[in-house]
Amino acid sequence: MADTESNIEDAAFKQRQRALSTWDNEGGASPDEVHVDIPELTNTELVHLRIRVIALENMIITLLAEGSDRQREVAREMATYIQPRAGFTQHPLTIKAARQMNDMVSRAEHFRTVQP
């Protein structure tokens, strides 16, 4: 039984590492891809994007609040993996992203303690 749990944890660790490795190259984009000129977003599009991000944030907090302690722990672990590629310095936005992830987990934990 312990061997099975160890295999499951090892597989989960490898899956998490694969997912996180795509952050190093911005979601798996290869450097030889042809980049298309993308038009600037309009103000209306930016407002809609902001609304969607707020909705997604709240959805993630809800899911974390209803999830297991291990799921929240993994979310915090993933935040620690946000780091620059070798030879690069930490970018302020990545630092903020890691803080935001931890903040969302904290907000979810607070939501768990509030019972109607």
PDB file of N, CA and C in Angstrom:
ATOM      1  N   MET A   1       0.827  -1.192   0.000  1.00  0.00           N
ATOM      2  CA  MET A   1       0.000   0.000   0.000  1.00  0.00           C
ATOM      3  C   MET A   1       0.873   1.258   0.000  1.00  0.00           C
ATOM      4  N   ALA A   2       1.928   1.265   0.844  1.00  0.00           N
ATOM      5  CA  ALA A   2       2.801   2.432   0.918  1.00  0.00           C
ATOM      6  C   ALA A   2       3.534   2.633  -0.397  1.00  0.00           C
ATOM      7  N   ASP A   3       3.880   1.496  -1.086  1.00  0.00           N
ATOM      8  CA  ASP A   3       4.561   1.584  -2.365  1.00  0.00           C
ATOM      9  C   ASP A   3       3.655   2.225  -3.416  1.00  0.00           C
ATOM     10  N   THR A   4       2.372   1.901  -3.389  1.00  0.00           N
ATOM     11  CA  THR A   4       1.400   2.487  -4.319  1.00  0.00           C
ATOM     12  C   THR A   4       1.266   3.986  -4.079  1.00  0.00           C
ATOM     13  N   GLU A   5       1.187   4.385  -2.822  1.00  0.00           N
ATOM     14  CA  GLU A   5       1.097   5.811  -2.490  1.00  0.00           C
ATOM     15  C   GLU A   5       2.345   6.549  -2.952  1.00  0.00           C
ATOM     16  N   SER A   6       3.505   5.911  -2.784  1.00  0.00           N
ATOM     17  CA  SER A   6       4.755   6.519  -3.212  1.00  0.00           C
ATOM     18  C   SER A   6       4.774   6.709  -4.722  1.00  0.00           C
ATOM     19  N   ASN A   7       4.281   5.707  -5.474  1.00  0.00           N
ATOM     20  CA  ASN A   7       4.218   5.823  -6.933  1.00  0.00           C
ATOM     21  C   ASN A   7       3.276   6.939  -7.360  1.00  0.00           C
ATOM     22  N   ILE A   8       2.146   7.060  -6.670  1.00  0.00           N
ATOM     23  CA  ILE A   8       1.179   8.113  -6.989  1.00  0.00           C
ATOM     24  C   ILE A   8       1.788   9.483  -6.720  1.00  0.00           C
ATOM     25  N   GLU A   9       2.454   9.632  -5.572  1.00  0.00           N
ATOM     26  CA  GLU A   9       3.091  10.912  -5.242  1.00  0.00           C
ATOM     27  C   GLU A   9       4.190  11.245  -6.235  1.00  0.00           C
ATOM     28  N   ASP A  10       4.972  10.228  -6.650  1.00  0.00           N
ATOM     29  CA  ASP A  10       6.043  10.437  -7.625  1.00  0.00           C
ATOM     30  C   ASP A  10       5.462  10.873  -8.966  1.00  0.00           C
ATOM     31  N   ALA A  11       4.387  10.229  -9.399  1.00  0.00           N
ATOM     32  CA  ALA A  11       3.740  10.590 -10.665  1.00  0.00           C
ATOM     33  C   ALA A  11       3.183  12.006 -10.597  1.00  0.00           C
ATOM     34  N   ALA A  12       2.576  12.365  -9.459  1.00  0.00           N
ATOM     35  CA  ALA A  12       2.031  13.714  -9.293  1.00  0.00           C
ATOM     36  C   ALA A  12       3.150  14.747  -9.321  1.00  0.00           C
ATOM     37  N   PHE A  13       4.277  14.414  -8.682  1.00  0.00           N
ATOM     38  CA  PHE A  13       5.419  15.324  -8.664  1.00  0.00           C
ATOM     39  C   PHE A  13       5.936  15.548 -10.083  1.00  0.00           C
ATOM     40  N   LYS A  14       6.065  14.465 -10.850  1.00  0.00           N
ATOM     41  CA  LYS A  14       6.558  14.583 -12.221  1.00  0.00           C
ATOM     42  C   LYS A  14       5.596  15.397 -13.084  1.00  0.00           C
ATOM     43  N   GLN A  15       4.306  15.175 -12.900  1.00  0.00           N
ATOM     44  CA  GLN A  15       3.308  15.930 -13.660  1.00  0.00           C
ATOM     45  C   GLN A  15       3.396  17.411 -13.325  1.00  0.00           C
ATOM     46  N   ARG A  16       3.551  17.728 -12.036  1.00  0.00           N
ATOM     47  CA  ARG A  16       3.667  19.128 -11.613  1.00  0.00           C
ATOM     48  C   ARG A  16       4.928  19.753 -12.202  1.00  0.00           C
ATOM     49  N   GLN A  17       6.034  18.996 -12.224  1.00  0.00           N
ATOM     50  CA  GLN A  17       7.286  19.511 -12.777  1.00  0.00           C
ATOM     51  C   GLN A  17       7.135  19.804 -14.272  1.00  0.00           C
ATOM     52  N   ARG A  18       6.439  18.912 -15.013  1.00  0.00           N
ATOM     53  CA  ARG A  18       6.223  19.142 -16.441  1.00  0.00           C
ATOM     54  C   ARG A  18       5.395  20.409 -16.656  1.00  0.00           C
ATOM     55  N   ALA A  19       4.357  20.575 -15.856  1.00  0.00           N
ATOM     56  CA  ALA A  19       3.502  21.759 -16.000  1.00  0.00           C
ATOM     57  C   ALA A  19       4.284  23.025 -15.694  1.00  0.00           C
ATOM     58  N   LEU A  20       5.084  22.978 -14.658  1.00  0.00           N
ATOM     59  CA  LEU A  20       5.838  24.170 -14.268  1.00  0.00           C
ATOM     60  C   LEU A  20       6.962  24.477 -15.245  1.00  0.00           C
ATOM     61  N   SER A  21       7.496  23.460 -15.900  1.00  0.00           N
ATOM     62  CA  SER A  21       8.602  23.703 -16.833  1.00  0.00           C
ATOM     63  C   SER A  21       8.159  24.546 -18.013  1.00  0.00           C
ATOM     64  N   THR A  22       6.873  24.535 -18.341  1.00  0.00           N
ATOM     65  CA  THR A  22       6.397  25.357 -19.451  1.00  0.00           C
ATOM     66  C   THR A  22       6.446  26.834 -19.109  1.00  0.00           C
ATOM     67  N   TRP A  23       6.498  27.174 -17.820  1.00  0.00           N
ATOM     68  CA  TRP A  23       6.585  28.584 -17.425  1.00  0.00           C
ATOM     69  C   TRP A  23       7.901  29.184 -17.886  1.00  0.00           C
ATOM     70  N   ASP A  24       8.949  28.359 -17.954  1.00  0.00           N
ATOM     71  CA  ASP A  24      10.251  28.871 -18.349  1.00  0.00           C
ATOM     72  C   ASP A  24      10.255  29.413 -19.769  1.00  0.00           C
ATOM     73  N   ASN A  25       9.411  28.864 -20.625  1.00  0.00           N
ATOM     74  CA  ASN A  25       9.390  29.340 -21.999  1.00  0.00           C
ATOM     75  C   ASN A  25       8.007  29.859 -22.370  1.00  0.00           C
ATOM     76  N   GLU A  26       7.336  30.438 -21.402  1.00  0.00           N
ATOM     77  CA  GLU A  26       6.065  31.128 -21.598  1.00  0.00           C
ATOM     78  C   GLU A  26       5.004  30.235 -22.215  1.00  0.00           C
ATOM     79  N   GLY A  27       4.768  29.102 -21.556  1.00  0.00           N
ATOM     80  CA  GLY A  27       3.698  28.221 -21.983  1.00  0.00           C
ATOM     81  C   GLY A  27       4.065  27.268 -23.093  1.00  0.00           C
ATOM     82  N   GLY A  28       5.340  27.075 -23.326  1.00  0.00           N
ATOM     83  CA  GLY A  28       5.760  26.103 -24.321  1.00  0.00           C
ATOM     84  C   GLY A  28       6.021  26.680 -25.698  1.00  0.00           C
ATOM     85  N   ALA A  29       5.970  27.989 -25.831  1.00  0.00           N
ATOM     86  CA  ALA A  29       6.224  28.601 -27.141  1.00  0.00           C
ATOM     87  C   ALA A  29       7.676  28.374 -27.522  1.00  0.00           C
ATOM     88  N   SER A  30       7.898  27.861 -28.714  1.00  0.00           N
ATOM     89  CA  SER A  30       9.273  27.637 -29.132  1.00  0.00           C
ATOM     90  C   SER A  30       9.824  28.918 -29.756  1.00  0.00           C
ATOM     91  N   PRO A  31      11.120  29.143 -29.630  1.00  0.00           N
ATOM     92  CA  PRO A  31      11.694  30.399 -30.125  1.00  0.00           C
ATOM     93  C   PRO A  31      11.608  30.546 -31.642  1.00  0.00           C
ATOM     94  N   ASP A  32      11.442  29.437 -32.381  1.00  0.00           N
ATOM     95  CA  ASP A  32      11.400  29.537 -33.824  1.00  0.00           C
ATOM     96  C   ASP A  32       9.985  29.727 -34.375  1.00  0.00           C
ATOM     97  N   GLU A  33       9.000  29.884 -33.477  1.00  0.00           N
ATOM     98  CA  GLU A  33       7.637  30.128 -33.935  1.00  0.00           C
ATOM     99  C   GLU A  33       7.540  31.499 -34.591  1.00  0.00           C
ATOM    100  N   VAL A  34       6.700  31.582 -35.599  1.00  0.00           N
ATOM    101  CA  VAL A  34       6.466  32.857 -36.269  1.00  0.00           C
ATOM    102  C   VAL A  34       5.520  33.679 -35.403  1.00  0.00           C
ATOM    103  N   HIS A  35       5.921  34.891 -35.086  1.00  0.00           N
ATOM    104  CA  HIS A  35       5.095  35.761 -34.259  1.00  0.00           C
ATOM    105  C   HIS A  35       4.263  36.670 -35.157  1.00  0.00           C
ATOM    106  N   VAL A  36       2.987  36.667 -34.923  1.00  0.00           N
ATOM    107  CA  VAL A  36       2.058  37.474 -35.703  1.00  0.00           C
ATOM    108  C   VAL A  36       1.814  38.771 -34.953  1.00  0.00           C
ATOM    109  N   ASP A  37       1.721  39.855 -35.706  1.00  0.00           N
ATOM    110  CA  ASP A  37       1.391  41.126 -35.072  1.00  0.00           C
ATOM    111  C   ASP A  37      -0.027  41.048 -34.520  1.00  0.00           C
ATOM    112  N   ILE A  38      -0.145  41.283 -33.241  1.00  0.00           N
ATOM    113  CA  ILE A  38      -1.446  41.220 -32.575  1.00  0.00           C
ATOM    114  C   ILE A  38      -1.872  42.648 -32.278  1.00  0.00           C
ATOM    115  N   PRO A  39      -3.075  43.022 -32.711  1.00  0.00           N
ATOM    116  CA  PRO A  39      -3.522  44.403 -32.474  1.00  0.00           C
ATOM    117  C   PRO A  39      -3.704  44.665 -30.974  1.00  0.00           C
ATOM    118  N   GLU A  40      -3.539  45.912 -30.608  1.00  0.00           N
ATOM    119  CA  GLU A  40      -3.745  46.329 -29.225  1.00  0.00           C
ATOM    120  C   GLU A  40      -5.194  46.073 -28.819  1.00  0.00           C
ATOM    121  N   LEU A  41      -5.378  45.746 -27.540  1.00  0.00           N
ATOM    122  CA  LEU A  41      -6.734  45.548 -27.024  1.00  0.00           C
ATOM    123  C   LEU A  41      -7.432  46.895 -26.867  1.00  0.00           C
ATOM    124  N   THR A  42      -8.705  46.897 -27.153  1.00  0.00           N
ATOM    125  CA  THR A  42      -9.486  48.116 -26.943  1.00  0.00           C
ATOM    126  C   THR A  42      -9.829  48.230 -25.462  1.00  0.00           C
ATOM    127  N   ASN A  43     -10.294  49.387 -25.045  1.00  0.00           N
ATOM    128  CA  ASN A  43     -10.683  49.584 -23.662  1.00  0.00           C
ATOM    129  C   ASN A  43     -11.794  48.614 -23.266  1.00  0.00           C
ATOM    130  N   THR A  44     -12.750  48.400 -24.140  1.00  0.00           N
ATOM    131  CA  THR A  44     -13.852  47.475 -23.864  1.00  0.00           C
ATOM    132  C   THR A  44     -13.324  46.061 -23.646  1.00  0.00           C
ATOM    133  N   GLU A  45     -12.383  45.648 -24.484  1.00  0.00           N
ATOM    134  CA  GLU A  45     -11.795  44.309 -24.340  1.00  0.00           C
ATOM    135  C   GLU A  45     -11.029  44.186 -23.029  1.00  0.00           C
ATOM    136  N   LEU A  46     -10.331  45.237 -22.652  1.00  0.00           N
ATOM    137  CA  LEU A  46      -9.598  45.225 -21.384  1.00  0.00           C
ATOM    138  C   LEU A  46     -10.546  45.131 -20.191  1.00  0.00           C
ATOM    139  N   VAL A  47     -11.653  45.833 -20.250  1.00  0.00           N
ATOM    140  CA  VAL A  47     -12.646  45.767 -19.174  1.00  0.00           C
ATOM    141  C   VAL A  47     -13.208  44.354 -19.073  1.00  0.00           C
ATOM    142  N   HIS A  48     -13.545  43.762 -20.202  1.00  0.00           N
ATOM    143  CA  HIS A  48     -14.077  42.395 -20.197  1.00  0.00           C
ATOM    144  C   HIS A  48     -13.038  41.405 -19.682  1.00  0.00           C
ATOM    145  N   LEU A  49     -11.798  41.613 -20.050  1.00  0.00           N
ATOM    146  CA  LEU A  49     -10.718  40.749 -19.572  1.00  0.00           C
ATOM    147  C   LEU A  49     -10.568  40.866 -18.059  1.00  0.00           C
ATOM    148  N   ARG A  50     -10.624  42.084 -17.566  1.00  0.00           N
ATOM    149  CA  ARG A  50     -10.526  42.300 -16.124  1.00  0.00           C
ATOM    150  C   ARG A  50     -11.663  41.589 -15.385  1.00  0.00           C
ATOM    151  N   ILE A  51     -12.876  41.689 -15.921  1.00  0.00           N
ATOM    152  CA  ILE A  51     -14.032  41.024 -15.309  1.00  0.00           C
ATOM    153  C   ILE A  51     -13.818  39.514 -15.273  1.00  0.00           C
ATOM    154  N   ARG A  52     -13.323  38.972 -16.373  1.00  0.00           N
ATOM    155  CA  ARG A  52     -13.079  37.523 -16.430  1.00  0.00           C
ATOM    156  C   ARG A  52     -12.016  37.090 -15.435  1.00  0.00           C
ATOM    157  N   VAL A  53     -10.965  37.880 -15.300  1.00  0.00           N
ATOM    158  CA  VAL A  53      -9.900  37.545 -14.346  1.00  0.00           C
ATOM    159  C   VAL A  53     -10.453  37.554 -12.918  1.00  0.00           C
ATOM    160  N   ILE A  54     -11.260  38.541 -12.582  1.00  0.00           N
ATOM    161  CA  ILE A  54     -11.865  38.604 -11.250  1.00  0.00           C
ATOM    162  C   ILE A  54     -12.740  37.380 -11.021  1.00  0.00           C
ATOM    163  N   ALA A  55     -13.531  37.011 -12.021  1.00  0.00           N
ATOM    164  CA  ALA A  55     -14.390  35.835 -11.896  1.00  0.00           C
ATOM    165  C   ALA A  55     -13.554  34.569 -11.719  1.00  0.00           C
ATOM    166  N   LEU A  56     -12.492  34.433 -12.498  1.00  0.00           N
ATOM    167  CA  LEU A  56     -11.631  33.253 -12.372  1.00  0.00           C
ATOM    168  C   LEU A  56     -10.942  33.192 -11.012  1.00  0.00           C
ATOM    169  N   GLU A  57     -10.482  34.338 -10.534  1.00  0.00           N
ATOM    170  CA  GLU A  57      -9.866  34.397  -9.209  1.00  0.00           C
ATOM    171  C   GLU A  57     -10.828  33.888  -8.145  1.00  0.00           C
ATOM    172  N   ASN A  58     -12.056  34.392  -8.188  1.00  0.00           N
ATOM    173  CA  ASN A  58     -13.041  33.974  -7.199  1.00  0.00           C
ATOM    174  C   ASN A  58     -13.402  32.498  -7.348  1.00  0.00           C
ATOM    175  N   MET A  59     -13.429  31.998  -8.574  1.00  0.00           N
ATOM    176  CA  MET A  59     -13.696  30.585  -8.797  1.00  0.00           C
ATOM    177  C   MET A  59     -12.574  29.730  -8.211  1.00  0.00           C
ATOM    178  N   ILE A  60     -11.329  30.142  -8.418  1.00  0.00           N
ATOM    179  CA  ILE A  60     -10.187  29.398  -7.877  1.00  0.00           C
ATOM    180  C   ILE A  60     -10.229  29.408  -6.354  1.00  0.00           C
ATOM    181  N   ILE A  61     -10.541  30.548  -5.771  1.00  0.00           N
ATOM    182  CA  ILE A  61     -10.633  30.636  -4.310  1.00  0.00           C
ATOM    183  C   ILE A  61     -11.723  29.692  -3.803  1.00  0.00           C
ATOM    184  N   THR A  62     -12.852  29.648  -4.503  1.00  0.00           N
ATOM    185  CA  THR A  62     -13.941  28.746  -4.120  1.00  0.00           C
ATOM    186  C   THR A  62     -13.485  27.300  -4.191  1.00  0.00           C
ATOM    187  N   LEU A  63     -12.814  26.935  -5.271  1.00  0.00           N
ATOM    188  CA  LEU A  63     -12.348  25.555  -5.426  1.00  0.00           C
ATOM    189  C   LEU A  63     -11.315  25.201  -4.367  1.00  0.00           C
ATOM    190  N   LEU A  64     -10.403  26.125  -4.081  1.00  0.00           N
ATOM    191  CA  LEU A  64      -9.413  25.870  -3.034  1.00  0.00           C
ATOM    192  C   LEU A  64     -10.070  25.758  -1.661  1.00  0.00           C
ATOM    193  N   ALA A  65     -11.085  26.566  -1.419  1.00  0.00           N
ATOM    194  CA  ALA A  65     -11.773  26.523  -0.126  1.00  0.00           C
ATOM    195  C   ALA A  65     -12.451  25.186   0.083  1.00  0.00           C
ATOM    196  N   GLU A  66     -12.963  24.595  -0.983  1.00  0.00           N
ATOM    197  CA  GLU A  66     -13.644  23.302  -0.883  1.00  0.00           C
ATOM    198  C   GLU A  66     -12.689  22.131  -1.076  1.00  0.00           C
ATOM    199  N   GLY A  67     -11.459  22.414  -1.460  1.00  0.00           N
ATOM    200  CA  GLY A  67     -10.477  21.361  -1.711  1.00  0.00           C
ATOM    201  C   GLY A  67      -9.827  20.862  -0.436  1.00  0.00           C
ATOM    202  N   SER A  68      -8.905  19.942  -0.629  1.00  0.00           N
ATOM    203  CA  SER A  68      -8.206  19.329   0.505  1.00  0.00           C
ATOM    204  C   SER A  68      -7.047  20.213   0.965  1.00  0.00           C
ATOM    205  N   ASP A  69      -6.544  19.901   2.146  1.00  0.00           N
ATOM    206  CA  ASP A  69      -5.370  20.610   2.653  1.00  0.00           C
ATOM    207  C   ASP A  69      -4.192  20.406   1.705  1.00  0.00           C
ATOM    208  N   ARG A  70      -4.076  19.201   1.141  1.00  0.00           N
ATOM    209  CA  ARG A  70      -2.982  18.890   0.221  1.00  0.00           C
ATOM    210  C   ARG A  70      -3.063  19.759  -1.031  1.00  0.00           C
ATOM    211  N   GLN A  71      -4.269  20.008  -1.538  1.00  0.00           N
ATOM    212  CA  GLN A  71      -4.411  20.845  -2.725  1.00  0.00           C
ATOM    213  C   GLN A  71      -3.944  22.270  -2.456  1.00  0.00           C
ATOM    214  N   ARG A  72      -4.270  22.786  -1.280  1.00  0.00           N
ATOM    215  CA  ARG A  72      -3.807  24.133  -0.946  1.00  0.00           C
ATOM    216  C   ARG A  72      -2.290  24.140  -0.745  1.00  0.00           C
ATOM    217  N   GLU A  73      -1.765  23.066  -0.181  1.00  0.00           N
ATOM    218  CA  GLU A  73      -0.319  22.948   0.007  1.00  0.00           C
ATOM    219  C   GLU A  73       0.395  22.929  -1.350  1.00  0.00           C
ATOM    220  N   VAL A  74      -0.143  22.195  -2.300  1.00  0.00           N
ATOM    221  CA  VAL A  74       0.442  22.134  -3.639  1.00  0.00           C
ATOM    222  C   VAL A  74       0.397  23.508  -4.309  1.00  0.00           C
ATOM    223  N   ALA A  75      -0.693  24.231  -4.131  1.00  0.00           N
ATOM    224  CA  ALA A  75      -0.789  25.577  -4.704  1.00  0.00           C
ATOM    225  C   ALA A  75       0.318  26.468  -4.139  1.00  0.00           C
ATOM    226  N   ARG A  76       0.562  26.367  -2.849  1.00  0.00           N
ATOM    227  CA  ARG A  76       1.651  27.155  -2.246  1.00  0.00           C
ATOM    228  C   ARG A  76       3.017  26.696  -2.770  1.00  0.00           C
ATOM    229  N   GLU A  77       3.186  25.370  -2.932  1.00  0.00           N
ATOM    230  CA  GLU A  77       4.445  24.851  -3.467  1.00  0.00           C
ATOM    231  C   GLU A  77       4.682  25.378  -4.878  1.00  0.00           C
ATOM    232  N   MET A  78       3.617  25.415  -5.677  1.00  0.00           N
ATOM    233  CA  MET A  78       3.758  25.903  -7.049  1.00  0.00           C
ATOM    234  C   MET A  78       4.189  27.367  -7.062  1.00  0.00           C
ATOM    235  N   ALA A  79       3.713  28.137  -6.119  1.00  0.00           N
ATOM    236  CA  ALA A  79       4.101  29.546  -6.045  1.00  0.00           C
ATOM    237  C   ALA A  79       5.604  29.679  -5.809  1.00  0.00           C
ATOM    238  N   THR A  80       6.191  28.742  -5.076  1.00  0.00           N
ATOM    239  CA  THR A  80       7.639  28.812  -4.822  1.00  0.00           C
ATOM    240  C   THR A  80       8.449  28.452  -6.060  1.00  0.00           C
ATOM    241  N   TYR A  81       7.833  27.772  -7.031  1.00  0.00           N
ATOM    242  CA  TYR A  81       8.538  27.394  -8.251  1.00  0.00           C
ATOM    243  C   TYR A  81       8.619  28.535  -9.253  1.00  0.00           C
ATOM    244  N   ILE A  82       7.907  29.607  -9.025  1.00  0.00           N
ATOM    245  CA  ILE A  82       7.981  30.737  -9.956  1.00  0.00           C
ATOM    246  C   ILE A  82       9.306  31.432  -9.711  1.00  0.00           C
ATOM    247  N   GLN A  83      10.238  31.155 -10.583  1.00  0.00           N
ATOM    248  CA  GLN A  83      11.562  31.736 -10.455  1.00  0.00           C
ATOM    249  C   GLN A  83      12.146  31.943 -11.851  1.00  0.00           C
ATOM    250  N   PRO A  84      13.137  32.812 -11.957  1.00  0.00           N
ATOM    251  CA  PRO A  84      13.676  33.102 -13.282  1.00  0.00           C
ATOM    252  C   PRO A  84      14.480  31.930 -13.841  1.00  0.00           C
ATOM    253  N   ARG A  85      14.639  31.932 -15.158  1.00  0.00           N
ATOM    254  CA  ARG A  85      15.506  30.952 -15.803  1.00  0.00           C
ATOM    255  C   ARG A  85      16.939  31.204 -15.365  1.00  0.00           C
ATOM    256  N   ALA A  86      17.772  30.200 -15.524  1.00  0.00           N
ATOM    257  CA  ALA A  86      19.182  30.318 -15.139  1.00  0.00           C
ATOM    258  C   ALA A  86      19.811  31.511 -15.844  1.00  0.00           C
ATOM    259  N   GLY A  87      20.497  32.328 -15.086  1.00  0.00           N
ATOM    260  CA  GLY A  87      21.172  33.486 -15.647  1.00  0.00           C
ATOM    261  C   GLY A  87      20.323  34.737 -15.737  1.00  0.00           C
ATOM    262  N   PHE A  88      19.061  34.651 -15.333  1.00  0.00           N
ATOM    263  CA  PHE A  88      18.162  35.801 -15.397  1.00  0.00           C
ATOM    264  C   PHE A  88      17.810  36.251 -13.984  1.00  0.00           C
ATOM    265  N   THR A  89      17.427  37.507 -13.852  1.00  0.00           N
ATOM    266  CA  THR A  89      17.029  38.018 -12.548  1.00  0.00           C
ATOM    267  C   THR A  89      15.515  37.907 -12.382  1.00  0.00           C
ATOM    268  N   GLN A  90      15.106  37.909 -11.153  1.00  0.00           N
ATOM    269  CA  GLN A  90      13.671  37.812 -10.837  1.00  0.00           C
ATOM    270  C   GLN A  90      12.953  39.054 -11.354  1.00  0.00           C
ATOM    271  N   HIS A  91      11.861  38.857 -12.044  1.00  0.00           N
ATOM    272  CA  HIS A  91      11.074  39.960 -12.580  1.00  0.00           C
ATOM    273  C   HIS A  91      10.010  40.343 -11.555  1.00  0.00           C
ATOM    274  N   PRO A  92       9.764  41.630 -11.340  1.00  0.00           N
ATOM    275  CA  PRO A  92       8.767  42.044 -10.348  1.00  0.00           C
ATOM    276  C   PRO A  92       7.389  41.418 -10.564  1.00  0.00           C
ATOM    277  N   LEU A  93       6.996  41.206 -11.819  1.00  0.00           N
ATOM    278  CA  LEU A  93       5.681  40.606 -12.061  1.00  0.00           C
ATOM    279  C   LEU A  93       5.616  39.152 -11.604  1.00  0.00           C
ATOM    280  N   THR A  94       6.722  38.408 -11.737  1.00  0.00           N
ATOM    281  CA  THR A  94       6.706  37.022 -11.270  1.00  0.00           C
ATOM    282  C   THR A  94       6.665  36.966  -9.750  1.00  0.00           C
ATOM    283  N   ILE A  95       7.336  37.925  -9.123  1.00  0.00           N
ATOM    284  CA  ILE A  95       7.283  37.995  -7.657  1.00  0.00           C
ATOM    285  C   ILE A  95       5.849  38.273  -7.223  1.00  0.00           C
ATOM    286  N   LYS A  96       5.194  39.215  -7.901  1.00  0.00           N
ATOM    287  CA  LYS A  96       3.800  39.527  -7.573  1.00  0.00           C
ATOM    288  C   LYS A  96       2.888  38.339  -7.849  1.00  0.00           C
ATOM    289  N   ALA A  97       3.156  37.587  -8.914  1.00  0.00           N
ATOM    290  CA  ALA A  97       2.337  36.422  -9.243  1.00  0.00           C
ATOM    291  C   ALA A  97       2.417  35.376  -8.128  1.00  0.00           C
ATOM    292  N   ALA A  98       3.623  35.127  -7.625  1.00  0.00           N
ATOM    293  CA  ALA A  98       3.779  34.163  -6.536  1.00  0.00           C
ATOM    294  C   ALA A  98       3.051  34.645  -5.283  1.00  0.00           C
ATOM    295  N   ARG A  99       3.167  35.936  -4.992  1.00  0.00           N
ATOM    296  CA  ARG A  99       2.450  36.491  -3.836  1.00  0.00           C
ATOM    297  C   ARG A  99       0.938  36.369  -4.015  1.00  0.00           C
ATOM    298  N   GLN A 100       0.477  36.612  -5.235  1.00  0.00           N
ATOM    299  CA  GLN A 100      -0.957  36.522  -5.522  1.00  0.00           C
ATOM    300  C   GLN A 100      -1.455  35.098  -5.329  1.00  0.00           C
ATOM    301  N   MET A 101      -0.671  34.117  -5.766  1.00  0.00           N
ATOM    302  CA  MET A 101      -1.060  32.712  -5.574  1.00  0.00           C
ATOM    303  C   MET A 101      -1.204  32.400  -4.083  1.00  0.00           C
ATOM    304  N   ASN A 102      -0.210  32.811  -3.306  1.00  0.00           N
ATOM    305  CA  ASN A 102      -0.277  32.566  -1.860  1.00  0.00           C
ATOM    306  C   ASN A 102      -1.437  33.308  -1.221  1.00  0.00           C
ATOM    307  N   ASP A 103      -1.702  34.522  -1.707  1.00  0.00           N
ATOM    308  CA  ASP A 103      -2.817  35.294  -1.181  1.00  0.00           C
ATOM    309  C   ASP A 103      -4.145  34.593  -1.461  1.00  0.00           C
ATOM    310  N   MET A 104      -4.278  34.023  -2.645  1.00  0.00           N
ATOM    311  CA  MET A 104      -5.513  33.323  -2.982  1.00  0.00           C
ATOM    312  C   MET A 104      -5.719  32.106  -2.087  1.00  0.00           C
ATOM    313  N   VAL A 105      -4.630  31.383  -1.787  1.00  0.00           N
ATOM    314  CA  VAL A 105      -4.742  30.235  -0.885  1.00  0.00           C
ATOM    315  C   VAL A 105      -5.149  30.704   0.505  1.00  0.00           C
ATOM    316  N   SER A 106      -4.556  31.799   0.965  1.00  0.00           N
ATOM    317  CA  SER A 106      -4.913  32.342   2.283  1.00  0.00           C
ATOM    318  C   SER A 106      -6.379  32.764   2.332  1.00  0.00           C
ATOM    319  N   ARG A 107      -6.832  33.405   1.258  1.00  0.00           N
ATOM    320  CA  ARG A 107      -8.238  33.809   1.206  1.00  0.00           C
ATOM    321  C   ARG A 107      -9.148  32.594   1.216  1.00  0.00           C
ATOM    322  N   ALA A 108      -8.742  31.534   0.531  1.00  0.00           N
ATOM    323  CA  ALA A 108      -9.538  30.305   0.516  1.00  0.00           C
ATOM    324  C   ALA A 108      -9.586  29.685   1.914  1.00  0.00           C
ATOM    325  N   GLU A 109      -8.456  29.706   2.623  1.00  0.00           N
ATOM    326  CA  GLU A 109      -8.424  29.152   3.981  1.00  0.00           C
ATOM    327  C   GLU A 109      -9.333  29.956   4.900  1.00  0.00           C
ATOM    328  N   HIS A 110      -9.347  31.256   4.727  1.00  0.00           N
ATOM    329  CA  HIS A 110     -10.238  32.096   5.531  1.00  0.00           C
ATOM    330  C   HIS A 110     -11.695  31.751   5.237  1.00  0.00           C
ATOM    331  N   PHE A 111     -11.986  31.554   3.974  1.00  0.00           N
ATOM    332  CA  PHE A 111     -13.354  31.215   3.567  1.00  0.00           C
ATOM    333  C   PHE A 111     -13.782  29.881   4.164  1.00  0.00           C
ATOM    334  N   ARG A 112     -12.852  28.954   4.322  1.00  0.00           N
ATOM    335  CA  ARG A 112     -13.166  27.637   4.897  1.00  0.00           C
ATOM    336  C   ARG A 112     -13.584  27.768   6.363  1.00  0.00           C
ATOM    337  N   THR A 113     -13.004  28.746   7.065  1.00  0.00           N
ATOM    338  CA  THR A 113     -13.286  28.862   8.499  1.00  0.00           C
ATOM    339  C   THR A 113     -14.616  29.540   8.770  1.00  0.00           C
ATOM    340  N   VAL A 114     -15.160  30.235   7.774  1.00  0.00           N
ATOM    341  CA  VAL A 114     -16.438  30.926   7.941  1.00  0.00           C
ATOM    342  C   VAL A 114     -17.554  29.945   7.593  1.00  0.00           C
ATOM    343  N   GLN A 115     -18.317  29.542   8.583  1.00  0.00           N
ATOM    344  CA  GLN A 115     -19.412  28.622   8.370  1.00  0.00           C
ATOM    345  C   GLN A 115     -20.738  29.348   8.477  1.00  0.00           C
ATOM    346  N   PRO A 116     -21.654  29.142   7.509  1.00  0.00           N
ATOM    347  CA  PRO A 116     -22.941  29.839   7.559  1.00  0.00           C
ATOM    348  C   PRO A 116     -23.819  29.333   8.701  1.00  0.00           C
TER     349      PRO A 116
END
